[in-house]
Amino acid sequence: MSTPQDSSTSTNLFSPIKMGPYTLKNRMVMAPMTRDRALAPDNVPQAMNVIYYTQRASAGLIITEGSQVSQQGMGYPVTPGIHSKTQVEGWKKITEAVHEKGGLIFLQLWHVGRISHPSYQPGGGLPVAPSAIKPEGESFTYEGLQPFVTPRALETDEIPGIVAQFREGAKNALTAGFDGVEIHGANGYLVDQFIRDGTNHRKDQYGGSLENRARFPLAVTDAVIDVWGEDRVGVRLSPGGSFNSMSDSNPQKTFNFMARQLSMRPLAYLHVVETLESVETFDYPALRKNFDGLYIANAGYDLKRSEAAIGSGTADLISYAQLFLANPDLPARFKKGTPLNTPDPNTFYGGDEKGYTDYPGLKE
């Protein structure tokens, strides 16, 4: 089983660390970030995506933006998929380029569940979810913002088919040349919807008790492990997050349980979104103690907080979203103490190279 490094050797953010079969050159992880820049209409990674990821190959590990495991799992415009041959070929160009730069890259497997819209669904059907509970807010569609719809609750006999979508996505990621995969179990998407009782009101073996609510997430994890092996699979959770109308009656109990269950599988890592809104109410160190493996923390960490977390052992690695978005050479900037580029929120989602591949590196 992968275990956290001894604190005597985990002295700083730039120390190498062993993760499964790999040795990461530093503890800095590029977090998964939706950027909506795949090639329409088939959601295929394209040339500027190759440049974007290659620019950030100095990260200890890159985790890609979420990539839908099926058309049913799509919820945003031009997000890349991992369910067609052309998508696999597009991703293959990215993995080859990142590897040429000495980087490691995991693909994030994604199904948005109820955070979709009929315009994305095969035949214009309803999005699927554990229960027919409509989220608040609006869906981002090709026609602009539209109200979320009430999803269709999955039939019990349909759920193994959704697990099979994740298995197939994992196989496709292997074909595309990735070094591993991360299961997106965070931020109110399908896996998260099964875990929390605010969105899972099922009366069958996939709802009710903690054991039942964990059944689908763990089935997905085991299916992906069957493809990749345990030490090249990570899972991302967001225990305190309310994004996408998420809630749970006892999040500490729920996610401590999930961490223990995942700990029984010697995963590459557990990746936890420590939302700033929940740091006063959720005990993340307690969650971390329930997982016997590498722990990646994500929550707007700067250099000082990162060093403190690594030094104290409360995290083994730190993932960065906006900082890596705006600073392709973030490890070098942190190491040298040089100023950081400022991210431009106006170019986060969609568009062209502006705000995507044109953030300057130190040498520029």
Protein backbone atom coordinates (compact mmCIF):
# COMPACT_ATOMS: atom_id res chain seq x y z
CA MET A 1 0.00 0.00 0.00
CA SER A 2 1.17 3.53 -0.74
CA THR A 3 1.89 5.30 2.53
CA PRO A 4 2.76 8.88 3.35
CA GLN A 5 6.46 9.63 3.32
CA ASP A 6 8.28 9.92 6.64
CA SER A 7 8.21 13.57 7.74
CA SER A 8 11.98 13.59 8.11
CA THR A 9 12.34 13.16 4.35
CA SER A 10 9.30 15.29 3.40
CA THR A 11 10.98 18.57 4.17
CA ASN A 12 9.57 20.88 1.54
CA LEU A 13 7.46 21.35 -1.54
CA PHE A 14 10.36 20.56 -3.86
CA SER A 15 11.30 17.19 -2.38
CA PRO A 16 10.65 14.21 -4.66
CA ILE A 17 8.06 11.68 -3.50
CA LYS A 18 7.21 8.14 -4.53
CA MET A 19 3.67 7.59 -5.81
CA GLY A 20 2.97 4.02 -6.83
CA PRO A 21 5.46 3.11 -9.59
CA TYR A 22 6.50 6.73 -10.10
CA THR A 23 8.80 9.16 -8.38
CA LEU A 24 7.41 12.68 -8.62
CA LYS A 25 10.07 15.38 -8.99
CA ASN A 26 8.21 17.72 -6.61
CA ARG A 27 5.05 17.87 -4.47
CA MET A 28 3.26 20.36 -6.75
CA VAL A 29 0.24 18.99 -8.62
CA MET A 30 -1.60 20.76 -11.42
CA ALA A 31 -5.25 20.47 -10.38
CA PRO A 32 -7.95 19.46 -12.86
CA MET A 33 -9.52 22.58 -14.38
CA THR A 34 -12.37 22.74 -16.86
CA ARG A 35 -11.29 25.07 -19.66
CA ASP A 36 -13.88 24.36 -22.43
CA ARG A 37 -11.38 24.37 -25.27
CA ALA A 38 -11.81 21.02 -27.00
CA LEU A 39 -12.59 20.96 -30.70
CA ALA A 40 -16.30 21.03 -31.55
CA PRO A 41 -18.47 19.21 -32.41
CA ASP A 42 -16.81 15.97 -31.32
CA ASN A 43 -15.11 17.26 -28.13
CA VAL A 44 -11.64 16.22 -29.29
CA PRO A 45 -8.47 17.61 -27.68
CA GLN A 46 -6.72 19.87 -30.16
CA ALA A 47 -3.34 21.50 -30.88
CA MET A 48 -3.60 24.34 -28.35
CA ASN A 49 -4.44 21.79 -25.64
CA VAL A 50 -1.13 20.07 -26.39
CA ILE A 51 0.71 23.37 -25.85
CA TYR A 52 -1.22 24.14 -22.65
CA TYR A 53 -0.39 20.88 -20.90
CA THR A 54 3.18 20.71 -22.17
CA GLN A 55 3.87 24.20 -20.80
CA ARG A 56 3.03 22.87 -17.32
CA ALA A 57 5.09 19.65 -17.47
CA SER A 58 7.34 20.86 -14.61
CA ALA A 59 4.56 19.95 -12.16
CA GLY A 60 5.24 16.83 -10.13
CA LEU A 61 1.96 15.56 -11.57
CA ILE A 62 -0.58 16.96 -14.04
CA ILE A 63 -4.22 15.97 -13.57
CA THR A 64 -6.22 16.86 -16.66
CA GLU A 65 -9.52 18.63 -16.79
CA GLY A 66 -12.51 16.33 -16.33
CA SER A 67 -13.15 14.21 -19.41
CA GLN A 68 -16.59 12.71 -19.83
CA VAL A 69 -16.70 8.92 -20.04
CA SER A 70 -19.75 9.03 -22.32
CA GLN A 71 -21.96 11.49 -24.16
CA GLN A 72 -24.45 11.00 -21.33
CA GLY A 73 -21.81 12.25 -18.88
CA MET A 74 -21.28 15.62 -20.61
CA GLY A 75 -22.43 18.84 -18.97
CA TYR A 76 -20.52 21.79 -20.43
CA PRO A 77 -19.64 23.07 -23.92
CA VAL A 78 -16.58 21.62 -25.67
CA THR A 79 -15.20 19.66 -22.75
CA PRO A 80 -12.96 16.84 -23.96
CA GLY A 81 -14.24 13.29 -23.83
CA ILE A 82 -12.54 9.92 -23.48
CA HIS A 83 -15.16 7.74 -25.17
CA SER A 84 -14.34 7.92 -28.90
CA LYS A 85 -11.36 6.92 -31.03
CA THR A 86 -10.80 10.51 -32.18
CA GLN A 87 -10.78 11.74 -28.59
CA VAL A 88 -8.24 9.07 -27.65
CA GLU A 89 -6.04 10.11 -30.56
CA GLY A 90 -6.28 13.75 -29.49
CA TRP A 91 -5.26 12.89 -25.94
CA LYS A 92 -2.41 10.71 -27.21
CA LYS A 93 -0.73 13.78 -28.72
CA ILE A 94 -0.92 15.47 -25.31
CA THR A 95 0.53 12.57 -23.34
CA GLU A 96 3.38 12.14 -25.81
CA ALA A 97 4.27 15.83 -25.63
CA VAL A 98 4.13 15.92 -21.82
CA HIS A 99 6.31 12.81 -21.58
CA GLU A 100 8.85 14.35 -23.94
CA LYS A 101 9.16 17.19 -21.43
CA GLY A 102 9.67 14.74 -18.57
CA GLY A 103 6.19 15.18 -17.10
CA LEU A 104 3.65 12.78 -15.59
CA ILE A 105 -0.02 13.11 -16.46
CA PHE A 106 -3.22 11.49 -15.13
CA LEU A 107 -6.61 11.80 -16.85
CA GLN A 108 -9.65 12.72 -14.74
CA LEU A 109 -12.65 10.48 -15.50
CA TRP A 110 -15.91 12.41 -15.31
CA HIS A 111 -19.67 11.93 -15.44
CA VAL A 112 -21.67 15.01 -14.47
CA GLY A 113 -24.94 13.18 -13.71
CA ARG A 114 -27.75 15.66 -13.09
CA ILE A 115 -25.51 18.68 -13.90
CA SER A 116 -26.25 18.18 -17.58
CA HIS A 117 -29.01 19.29 -19.93
CA PRO A 118 -31.18 17.51 -22.50
CA SER A 119 -29.31 19.32 -25.28
CA TYR A 120 -26.23 17.25 -24.41
CA GLN A 121 -28.03 13.95 -23.98
CA PRO A 122 -28.38 11.26 -26.65
CA GLY A 123 -31.79 11.75 -28.22
CA GLY A 124 -32.45 14.82 -26.08
CA GLY A 125 -33.31 12.70 -23.04
CA LEU A 126 -33.14 13.71 -19.40
CA PRO A 127 -29.84 13.72 -17.49
CA VAL A 128 -29.46 10.83 -15.06
CA ALA A 129 -28.88 10.93 -11.31
CA PRO A 130 -29.27 8.76 -8.20
CA SER A 131 -32.62 10.47 -7.52
CA ALA A 132 -34.94 12.79 -9.42
CA ILE A 133 -33.88 15.94 -7.57
CA LYS A 134 -33.40 19.13 -9.56
CA PRO A 135 -30.30 21.21 -8.77
CA GLU A 136 -30.59 24.93 -8.31
CA GLY A 137 -29.21 27.23 -10.94
CA GLU A 138 -28.61 27.07 -14.67
CA SER A 139 -26.84 24.82 -17.12
CA PHE A 140 -24.14 26.07 -19.49
CA THR A 141 -25.30 25.01 -22.94
CA TYR A 142 -24.34 25.84 -26.51
CA GLU A 143 -27.39 28.11 -26.58
CA GLY A 144 -26.37 29.92 -23.39
CA LEU A 145 -27.57 29.54 -19.80
CA GLN A 146 -30.71 27.46 -19.41
CA PRO A 147 -32.44 26.29 -16.22
CA PHE A 148 -31.45 22.88 -14.91
CA VAL A 149 -34.07 20.21 -15.42
CA THR A 150 -35.24 17.52 -13.03
CA PRO A 151 -33.07 14.50 -13.81
CA ARG A 152 -34.23 10.94 -14.29
CA ALA A 153 -33.43 8.58 -11.42
CA LEU A 154 -31.35 5.67 -12.66
CA GLU A 155 -33.04 2.28 -12.54
CA THR A 156 -31.19 -0.23 -10.40
CA ASP A 157 -30.30 -2.39 -13.37
CA GLU A 158 -28.86 0.62 -15.25
CA ILE A 159 -26.16 1.35 -12.68
CA PRO A 160 -23.73 -1.41 -13.74
CA GLY A 161 -23.85 0.18 -17.20
CA ILE A 162 -22.65 3.49 -15.77
CA VAL A 163 -19.84 1.65 -13.99
CA ALA A 164 -18.97 0.13 -17.37
CA GLN A 165 -18.70 3.65 -18.84
CA PHE A 166 -15.99 4.46 -16.30
CA ARG A 167 -14.24 1.16 -17.03
CA GLU A 168 -14.24 1.91 -20.76
CA GLY A 169 -12.98 5.44 -20.13
CA ALA A 170 -10.16 3.98 -18.05
CA LYS A 171 -9.26 1.60 -20.89
CA ASN A 172 -9.27 4.47 -23.36
CA ALA A 173 -7.02 6.52 -21.08
CA LEU A 174 -4.57 3.62 -21.00
CA THR A 175 -4.61 3.48 -24.80
CA ALA A 176 -4.05 7.25 -24.93
CA GLY A 177 -0.79 6.88 -23.00
CA PHE A 178 -1.67 8.41 -19.64
CA ASP A 179 0.33 7.50 -16.53
CA GLY A 180 -2.82 6.93 -14.49
CA VAL A 181 -6.34 8.20 -13.90
CA GLU A 182 -8.30 10.13 -11.28
CA ILE A 183 -11.97 9.41 -10.60
CA HIS A 184 -13.94 12.65 -10.25
CA GLY A 185 -15.92 12.10 -7.08
CA ALA A 186 -16.17 15.78 -6.17
CA ASN A 187 -18.02 19.03 -6.89
CA GLY A 188 -21.54 17.68 -7.13
CA TYR A 189 -21.14 15.39 -10.13
CA LEU A 190 -22.47 11.84 -10.44
CA VAL A 191 -20.14 9.99 -8.05
CA ASP A 192 -20.58 12.74 -5.44
CA GLN A 193 -24.36 12.66 -5.98
CA PHE A 194 -24.43 9.01 -4.91
CA ILE A 195 -22.25 9.62 -1.84
CA ARG A 196 -24.28 12.41 -0.20
CA ASP A 197 -27.75 11.99 1.24
CA GLY A 198 -28.86 15.41 0.03
CA THR A 199 -28.92 14.06 -3.53
CA ASN A 200 -29.29 10.32 -2.94
CA HIS A 201 -32.79 9.39 -1.73
CA ARG A 202 -32.75 5.89 -3.21
CA LYS A 203 -34.51 2.98 -1.50
CA ASP A 204 -32.52 0.18 -3.17
CA GLN A 205 -29.02 -1.14 -2.47
CA TYR A 206 -27.48 2.12 -3.73
CA GLY A 207 -29.18 4.41 -1.20
CA GLY A 208 -29.93 4.87 2.46
CA SER A 209 -27.04 3.65 4.60
CA LEU A 210 -23.45 4.80 4.20
CA GLU A 211 -22.55 1.35 2.92
CA ASN A 212 -25.23 1.59 0.25
CA ARG A 213 -24.42 5.14 -0.79
CA ALA A 214 -20.78 4.14 -1.16
CA ARG A 215 -21.64 1.12 -3.32
CA PHE A 216 -21.60 2.93 -6.68
CA PRO A 217 -18.46 5.03 -6.01
CA LEU A 218 -16.60 1.94 -4.84
CA ALA A 219 -17.84 -0.11 -7.80
CA VAL A 220 -16.48 2.59 -10.11
CA THR A 221 -13.18 2.61 -8.23
CA ASP A 222 -12.86 -1.18 -8.43
CA ALA A 223 -13.69 -1.19 -12.14
CA VAL A 224 -11.02 1.41 -12.86
CA ILE A 225 -8.52 -0.47 -10.68
CA ASP A 226 -9.21 -3.59 -12.75
CA VAL A 227 -7.87 -1.67 -15.74
CA TRP A 228 -5.00 0.28 -14.19
CA GLY A 229 -4.00 -1.48 -10.98
CA GLU A 230 -4.47 0.16 -7.59
CA ASP A 231 -1.34 2.31 -7.50
CA ARG A 232 -2.14 4.27 -10.67
CA VAL A 233 -5.66 5.32 -9.66
CA GLY A 234 -6.56 8.38 -7.59
CA VAL A 235 -9.93 9.63 -6.30
CA ARG A 236 -11.01 13.23 -5.79
CA LEU A 237 -13.55 14.21 -3.11
CA SER A 238 -14.98 17.53 -1.89
CA PRO A 239 -16.43 16.79 1.57
CA GLY A 240 -17.36 20.35 2.53
CA GLY A 241 -18.37 21.70 -0.84
CA SER A 242 -21.88 22.95 -1.63
CA PHE A 243 -21.23 23.65 -5.32
CA ASN A 244 -24.00 22.30 -7.59
CA SER A 245 -26.55 22.26 -4.73
CA MET A 246 -24.77 19.61 -2.69
CA SER A 247 -25.39 18.77 0.96
CA ASP A 248 -25.13 15.92 3.43
CA SER A 249 -26.68 15.48 6.87
CA ASN A 250 -23.36 14.40 8.42
CA PRO A 251 -20.47 15.12 6.03
CA GLN A 252 -17.76 14.25 8.57
CA LYS A 253 -19.17 10.78 9.14
CA THR A 254 -19.89 10.26 5.45
CA PHE A 255 -16.46 11.20 4.16
CA ASN A 256 -14.48 9.64 6.99
CA PHE A 257 -16.27 6.43 5.99
CA MET A 258 -15.43 6.98 2.32
CA ALA A 259 -11.77 7.59 3.20
CA ARG A 260 -11.64 4.32 5.17
CA GLN A 261 -13.24 2.40 2.32
CA LEU A 262 -10.85 3.87 -0.22
CA SER A 263 -7.95 3.14 2.12
CA MET A 264 -8.70 -0.57 1.72
CA ARG A 265 -7.64 -0.15 -1.89
CA PRO A 266 -3.95 0.90 -2.10
CA LEU A 267 -4.68 3.88 -4.35
CA ALA A 268 -2.09 6.24 -5.82
CA TYR A 269 -3.66 9.02 -3.73
CA LEU A 270 -6.74 10.68 -2.26
CA HIS A 271 -7.24 14.21 -3.62
CA VAL A 272 -9.36 16.40 -1.33
CA VAL A 273 -10.88 19.78 -2.13
CA GLU A 274 -10.68 21.52 1.24
CA THR A 275 -13.17 24.24 0.42
CA LEU A 276 -12.53 27.50 2.25
CA GLU A 277 -16.23 27.69 3.13
CA SER A 278 -15.90 24.52 5.22
CA VAL A 279 -12.53 24.77 6.96
CA GLU A 280 -14.20 25.89 10.20
CA THR A 281 -16.83 23.15 10.19
CA PHE A 282 -15.11 20.12 8.62
CA ASP A 283 -12.13 18.38 10.25
CA TYR A 284 -9.83 17.70 7.30
CA PRO A 285 -6.96 16.36 9.45
CA ALA A 286 -9.39 13.75 10.81
CA LEU A 287 -10.33 12.78 7.26
CA ARG A 288 -6.67 12.53 6.36
CA LYS A 289 -6.09 10.13 9.30
CA ASN A 290 -8.75 7.82 7.90
CA PHE A 291 -6.85 7.35 4.63
CA ASP A 292 -3.69 5.27 4.71
CA GLY A 293 -2.01 6.65 1.61
CA LEU A 294 -0.84 9.79 -0.14
CA TYR A 295 -3.04 12.82 0.48
CA ILE A 296 -3.26 15.71 -1.99
CA ALA A 297 -4.73 18.89 -0.52
CA ASN A 298 -6.43 21.56 -2.63
CA ALA A 299 -7.79 24.84 -1.25
CA GLY A 300 -6.21 28.01 -2.60
CA TYR A 301 -2.81 27.16 -1.13
CA ASP A 302 0.00 29.69 -1.53
CA LEU A 303 3.68 28.94 -1.02
CA LYS A 304 3.67 29.58 2.74
CA ARG A 305 0.62 27.43 3.45
CA SER A 306 1.94 24.72 1.14
CA GLU A 307 5.26 24.50 2.94
CA ALA A 308 3.49 24.40 6.30
CA ALA A 309 1.21 21.56 5.18
CA ILE A 310 4.05 19.51 3.72
CA GLY A 311 6.30 20.19 6.70
CA SER A 312 3.66 19.19 9.24
CA GLY A 313 2.57 16.11 7.32
CA THR A 314 -1.05 17.23 7.01
CA ALA A 315 -0.61 16.78 3.25
CA ASP A 316 1.85 14.89 1.08
CA LEU A 317 1.24 16.97 -2.04
CA ILE A 318 -0.57 20.22 -2.86
CA SER A 319 -2.62 20.83 -6.00
CA TYR A 320 -3.03 24.27 -7.57
CA ALA A 321 -5.68 25.44 -10.00
CA GLN A 322 -5.58 29.17 -10.79
CA LEU A 323 -1.90 29.45 -9.89
CA PHE A 324 -0.97 26.81 -12.45
CA LEU A 325 -3.45 28.25 -14.93
CA ALA A 326 -1.66 31.61 -14.90
CA ASN A 327 1.89 30.40 -14.20
CA PRO A 328 2.96 27.54 -16.47
CA ASP A 329 6.33 27.40 -14.68
CA LEU A 330 4.88 27.64 -11.17
CA PRO A 331 7.49 25.33 -9.53
CA ALA A 332 10.35 27.53 -10.77
CA ARG A 333 8.58 30.70 -9.63
CA PHE A 334 7.93 29.28 -6.17
CA LYS A 335 11.50 28.04 -5.87
CA LYS A 336 13.00 31.38 -6.90
CA GLY A 337 10.46 33.50 -5.04
CA THR A 338 9.64 35.48 -8.17
CA PRO A 339 6.34 37.33 -8.75
CA LEU A 340 3.37 35.39 -10.08
CA ASN A 341 1.21 36.18 -13.10
CA THR A 342 -2.34 37.24 -12.26
CA PRO A 343 -5.07 34.94 -13.60
CA ASP A 344 -7.71 36.51 -15.85
CA PRO A 345 -11.18 35.13 -14.94
CA ASN A 346 -12.61 36.44 -18.22
CA THR A 347 -10.64 33.79 -20.13
CA PHE A 348 -11.07 30.83 -17.78
CA TYR A 349 -13.75 29.12 -19.86
CA GLY A 350 -13.87 28.81 -23.63
CA GLY A 351 -12.16 30.93 -26.24
CA ASP A 352 -8.79 30.61 -27.93
CA GLU A 353 -5.14 30.84 -26.91
CA LYS A 354 -5.70 34.14 -25.07
CA GLY A 355 -5.66 33.44 -21.35
CA TYR A 356 -4.78 29.82 -22.11
CA THR A 357 -1.32 29.37 -23.62
CA ASP A 358 -0.09 32.99 -23.59
CA TYR A 359 0.73 33.41 -19.88
CA PRO A 360 4.47 34.23 -19.90
CA GLY A 361 7.11 32.06 -18.29
CA LEU A 362 10.07 33.51 -16.43
CA LYS A 363 12.31 33.43 -19.51
CA GLU A 364 9.75 35.42 -21.47
